[in-house]
């Protein structure tokens, strides 16, 4: 960092802002990768949890329900600390990035599972009965009748979780992940200037969140499902 350590003036310095932009962008890329990997796994795992919660077997349904409620009722930060600081006591050592991905994936899988479950329950009973009447197997009923109707209904809420997970991803800086927030904090600690790094970090967050929201709206329009 070429900027000399000095008492930070309160005015915006464009030269300094341009100088620190590459470091912030590198941190942003780490945060985006963390979010995309985490939410992708969350969408898959969340669907699995939703299906397991509808199991006819109590020994499957109840433990899964308790797990979902436990994760939803505890802070993501605590879950990240558990993965990074506690698991090594059991000889399971994860890198900060891996722990961040798993933490985001498990946390948001439990939320998306409830969204999937609501979408599944909104499928008209007649659809289930019709699938049974034409002798579809259970697998065919789920993949050809139920899920193609339930998932489009769930898209708006799932899109919200995409944006929410992006905003929560900087928590991984507490377990050594060098994301955009960590980059802004490092710049501030080295230069004693907080105006430019934190403002630009906020603006970069806003830009990515708007892009993600626009992407979700496109998906909603493309795959929208309308009942008669």
Protein backbone atom coordinates (compact mmCIF):
# COMPACT_ATOMS: atom_id res chain seq x y z
CA UNK A 1 0.00 0.00 0.00
CA UNK A 2 1.79 3.15 -1.19
CA UNK A 3 -0.33 5.59 0.80
CA UNK A 4 1.57 6.91 3.83
CA UNK A 5 0.17 6.35 7.30
CA UNK A 6 -1.36 9.62 8.38
CA UNK A 7 -4.31 11.13 10.13
CA UNK A 8 -7.23 10.38 7.85
CA UNK A 9 -8.94 13.46 6.40
CA UNK A 10 -12.72 13.41 6.19
CA UNK A 11 -12.87 14.15 2.46
CA UNK A 12 -13.11 11.56 -0.28
CA UNK A 13 -9.82 10.80 -2.08
CA UNK A 14 -10.41 9.45 -5.58
CA UNK A 15 -6.74 8.56 -6.11
CA UNK A 16 -6.76 6.45 -2.95
CA UNK A 17 -10.09 4.87 -3.94
CA UNK A 18 -8.70 3.83 -7.34
CA UNK A 19 -5.51 2.55 -5.70
CA UNK A 20 -7.36 0.18 -3.35
CA UNK A 21 -9.96 -1.00 -5.89
CA UNK A 22 -7.95 -4.03 -7.14
CA UNK A 23 -7.56 -5.37 -3.59
CA UNK A 24 -11.26 -4.90 -2.91
CA UNK A 25 -12.15 -6.67 -6.17
CA UNK A 26 -9.96 -9.62 -5.23
CA UNK A 27 -11.77 -9.81 -1.91
CA UNK A 28 -15.11 -9.50 -3.69
CA UNK A 29 -14.26 -12.45 -5.93
CA UNK A 30 -13.52 -14.60 -2.87
CA UNK A 31 -16.87 -13.59 -1.34
CA UNK A 32 -18.75 -14.29 -4.58
CA UNK A 33 -17.15 -17.73 -4.97
CA UNK A 34 -17.96 -18.55 -1.36
CA UNK A 35 -21.57 -17.50 -1.88
CA UNK A 36 -22.08 -19.36 -5.16
CA UNK A 37 -20.63 -22.61 -3.85
CA UNK A 38 -22.54 -22.32 -0.58
CA UNK A 39 -25.94 -21.49 -2.08
CA UNK A 40 -25.59 -24.15 -4.81
CA UNK A 41 -25.02 -26.82 -2.19
CA UNK A 42 -27.80 -25.30 -0.06
CA UNK A 43 -30.34 -25.56 -2.88
CA UNK A 44 -29.49 -29.24 -3.42
CA UNK A 45 -29.25 -30.21 0.25
CA UNK A 46 -32.35 -28.17 1.07
CA UNK A 47 -34.41 -30.16 -1.43
CA UNK A 48 -33.12 -33.40 0.09
CA UNK A 49 -34.12 -32.21 3.57
CA UNK A 50 -37.57 -31.19 2.33
CA UNK A 51 -38.14 -34.64 0.85
CA UNK A 52 -36.86 -36.38 3.98
CA UNK A 53 -39.22 -34.33 6.13
CA UNK A 54 -42.09 -35.77 4.14
CA UNK A 55 -40.91 -39.33 4.70
CA UNK A 56 -43.53 -41.82 5.86
CA UNK A 57 -41.03 -43.06 8.46
CA UNK A 58 -41.00 -41.24 11.79
CA UNK A 59 -37.39 -42.26 12.49
CA UNK A 60 -36.37 -40.22 9.44
CA UNK A 61 -38.88 -37.39 9.60
CA UNK A 62 -38.39 -36.36 13.23
CA UNK A 63 -34.56 -36.25 13.37
CA UNK A 64 -34.46 -34.26 10.13
CA UNK A 65 -37.06 -31.85 11.49
CA UNK A 66 -35.09 -31.38 14.71
CA UNK A 67 -31.89 -30.77 12.74
CA UNK A 68 -33.56 -28.14 10.56
CA UNK A 69 -35.05 -26.33 13.53
CA UNK A 70 -31.74 -26.43 15.42
CA UNK A 71 -29.79 -24.90 12.54
CA UNK A 72 -32.47 -22.27 11.90
CA UNK A 73 -32.48 -21.33 15.58
CA UNK A 74 -28.73 -20.79 15.98
CA UNK A 75 -26.59 -18.01 14.48
CA UNK A 76 -24.54 -18.66 11.39
CA UNK A 77 -21.50 -17.19 13.13
CA UNK A 78 -21.67 -19.83 15.88
CA UNK A 79 -21.97 -22.56 13.25
CA UNK A 80 -18.89 -21.23 11.42
CA UNK A 81 -16.91 -21.15 14.68
CA UNK A 82 -17.96 -24.74 15.40
CA UNK A 83 -16.79 -25.94 11.98
CA UNK A 84 -13.48 -24.08 12.11
CA UNK A 85 -12.49 -24.16 15.78
CA UNK A 86 -14.29 -27.18 17.30
CA UNK A 87 -14.06 -29.87 14.62
CA UNK A 88 -10.24 -29.95 14.84
CA UNK A 89 -10.72 -31.37 18.35
CA UNK A 90 -12.22 -34.40 16.59
CA UNK A 91 -9.37 -34.55 14.04
CA UNK A 92 -11.46 -32.84 11.34
CA UNK A 93 -9.50 -29.84 10.09
CA UNK A 94 -11.10 -27.57 7.49
CA UNK A 95 -9.65 -24.55 5.76
CA UNK A 96 -11.43 -21.28 6.41
CA UNK A 97 -12.88 -21.24 2.90
CA UNK A 98 -14.12 -24.84 3.11
CA UNK A 99 -15.66 -24.23 6.53
CA UNK A 100 -17.32 -21.09 5.16
CA UNK A 101 -18.82 -22.96 2.21
CA UNK A 102 -20.11 -25.79 4.41
CA UNK A 103 -21.45 -23.34 6.98
CA UNK A 104 -23.37 -21.33 4.40
CA UNK A 105 -24.59 -24.49 2.67
CA UNK A 106 -25.96 -26.15 5.81
CA UNK A 107 -27.41 -22.93 7.23
CA UNK A 108 -29.29 -21.93 4.10
CA UNK A 109 -30.22 -25.52 3.22
CA UNK A 110 -32.37 -25.55 6.33
CA UNK A 111 -34.11 -22.36 5.23
CA UNK A 112 -34.54 -23.44 1.62
CA UNK A 113 -35.94 -26.78 2.80
CA UNK A 114 -38.86 -24.94 4.36
CA UNK A 115 -39.37 -23.00 1.13
CA UNK A 116 -39.37 -26.22 -0.89
CA UNK A 117 -41.75 -27.80 1.61
CA UNK A 118 -44.20 -24.92 1.26
CA UNK A 119 -44.01 -25.20 -2.53
CA UNK A 120 -44.63 -28.94 -2.41
CA UNK A 121 -47.61 -28.52 -0.12
CA UNK A 122 -49.09 -25.90 -2.46
CA UNK A 123 -49.36 -28.43 -5.31
CA UNK A 124 -53.10 -29.22 -5.64
CA UNK A 125 -54.18 -32.52 -4.18
CA UNK A 126 -55.75 -33.41 -7.50
CA UNK A 127 -52.30 -33.52 -9.09
CA UNK A 128 -51.14 -36.14 -6.59
CA UNK A 129 -54.31 -38.18 -7.12
CA UNK A 130 -54.02 -37.98 -10.90
CA UNK A 131 -50.41 -39.20 -10.76
CA UNK A 132 -51.52 -42.14 -8.64
CA UNK A 133 -54.45 -42.88 -10.94
CA UNK A 134 -52.23 -43.28 -14.00
CA UNK A 135 -49.92 -45.62 -12.08
CA UNK A 136 -46.85 -43.38 -11.94
CA UNK A 137 -44.13 -44.65 -9.65
CA UNK A 138 -43.28 -42.54 -6.59
CA UNK A 139 -40.12 -41.32 -8.30
CA UNK A 140 -41.99 -40.40 -11.49
CA UNK A 141 -44.65 -38.59 -9.49
CA UNK A 142 -42.05 -36.44 -7.72
CA UNK A 143 -39.83 -35.64 -10.67
CA UNK A 144 -42.48 -35.34 -13.39
CA UNK A 145 -45.49 -33.92 -11.55
CA UNK A 146 -44.80 -32.45 -8.12
CA UNK A 147 -41.37 -30.80 -8.29
CA UNK A 148 -41.89 -29.13 -11.71
CA UNK A 149 -44.80 -27.29 -10.08
CA UNK A 150 -43.34 -26.77 -6.60
CA UNK A 151 -39.93 -25.36 -7.53
CA UNK A 152 -41.14 -22.46 -9.74
CA UNK A 153 -43.50 -21.43 -6.94
CA UNK A 154 -40.51 -21.39 -4.58
CA UNK A 155 -38.23 -19.30 -6.81
CA UNK A 156 -38.95 -15.85 -5.29
CA UNK A 157 -38.07 -17.01 -1.77
CA UNK A 158 -35.06 -19.00 -3.01
CA UNK A 159 -33.82 -15.88 -4.77
CA UNK A 160 -34.07 -13.94 -1.53
CA UNK A 161 -31.85 -16.53 0.12
CA UNK A 162 -29.26 -16.08 -2.63
CA UNK A 163 -28.99 -12.38 -1.81
CA UNK A 164 -29.12 -13.04 1.94
CA UNK A 165 -26.31 -15.60 1.74
CA UNK A 166 -24.16 -13.10 -0.18
CA UNK A 167 -24.66 -10.57 2.61
CA UNK A 168 -23.83 -13.19 5.25
CA UNK A 169 -20.72 -14.47 3.46
CA UNK A 170 -18.46 -11.76 4.98
CA UNK A 171 -18.94 -13.47 8.35
CA UNK A 172 -16.40 -15.95 7.05
CA UNK A 173 -13.74 -13.27 7.61
CA UNK A 174 -13.90 -14.32 11.28
CA UNK A 175 -12.46 -17.71 10.27
CA UNK A 176 -9.62 -16.31 8.14
CA UNK A 177 -11.42 -16.08 4.78
CA UNK A 178 -9.95 -13.05 2.97
CA UNK A 179 -13.18 -11.74 1.46
CA UNK A 180 -14.14 -8.19 0.66
CA UNK A 181 -14.86 -7.18 4.26
CA UNK A 182 -11.51 -8.52 5.40
CA UNK A 183 -9.85 -6.57 2.57
CA UNK A 184 -11.57 -3.34 3.62
CA UNK A 185 -10.59 -3.89 7.26
CA UNK A 186 -6.99 -4.58 6.28
CA UNK A 187 -6.81 -1.40 4.20
CA UNK A 188 -8.29 0.63 7.05
CA UNK A 189 -5.84 -0.79 9.58
CA UNK A 190 -2.85 -0.04 7.33
CA UNK A 191 -3.83 3.48 6.23
CA UNK A 192 -6.17 4.68 9.00
CA UNK A 193 -8.66 5.60 6.29
CA UNK A 194 -12.08 3.95 6.55
CA UNK A 195 -14.20 6.19 4.32
CA UNK A 196 -13.07 4.86 0.95
CA UNK A 197 -12.61 1.12 1.63
CA UNK A 198 -15.86 0.59 3.51
CA UNK A 199 -17.89 2.83 1.20
CA UNK A 200 -16.57 1.06 -1.87
CA UNK A 201 -17.11 -2.33 -0.26
CA UNK A 202 -20.73 -1.35 0.36
CA UNK A 203 -21.15 -0.17 -3.23
CA UNK A 204 -19.65 -3.40 -4.59
CA UNK A 205 -22.01 -5.40 -2.38
CA UNK A 206 -24.91 -3.36 -3.73
CA UNK A 207 -23.85 -3.90 -7.34
CA UNK A 208 -23.58 -7.68 -6.96
CA UNK A 209 -26.85 -7.88 -5.01
CA UNK A 210 -28.68 -5.95 -7.76
CA UNK A 211 -27.24 -8.28 -10.41
CA UNK A 212 -28.30 -11.32 -8.38
CA UNK A 213 -31.80 -9.91 -7.88
CA UNK A 214 -32.14 -9.22 -11.61
CA UNK A 215 -31.01 -12.78 -12.38
CA UNK A 216 -33.63 -14.20 -10.00
CA UNK A 217 -36.38 -12.08 -11.61
CA UNK A 218 -35.37 -13.41 -15.02
CA UNK A 219 -35.63 -16.97 -13.70
CA UNK A 220 -39.03 -16.22 -12.18
CA UNK A 221 -40.36 -14.94 -15.50
CA UNK A 222 -38.82 -17.79 -17.48
CA UNK A 223 -40.04 -20.59 -15.25
CA UNK A 224 -43.15 -19.05 -13.78
CA UNK A 225 -45.90 -21.52 -13.14
CA UNK A 226 -49.50 -20.36 -13.30
CA UNK A 227 -52.40 -22.40 -12.09
CA UNK A 228 -55.65 -22.34 -13.93
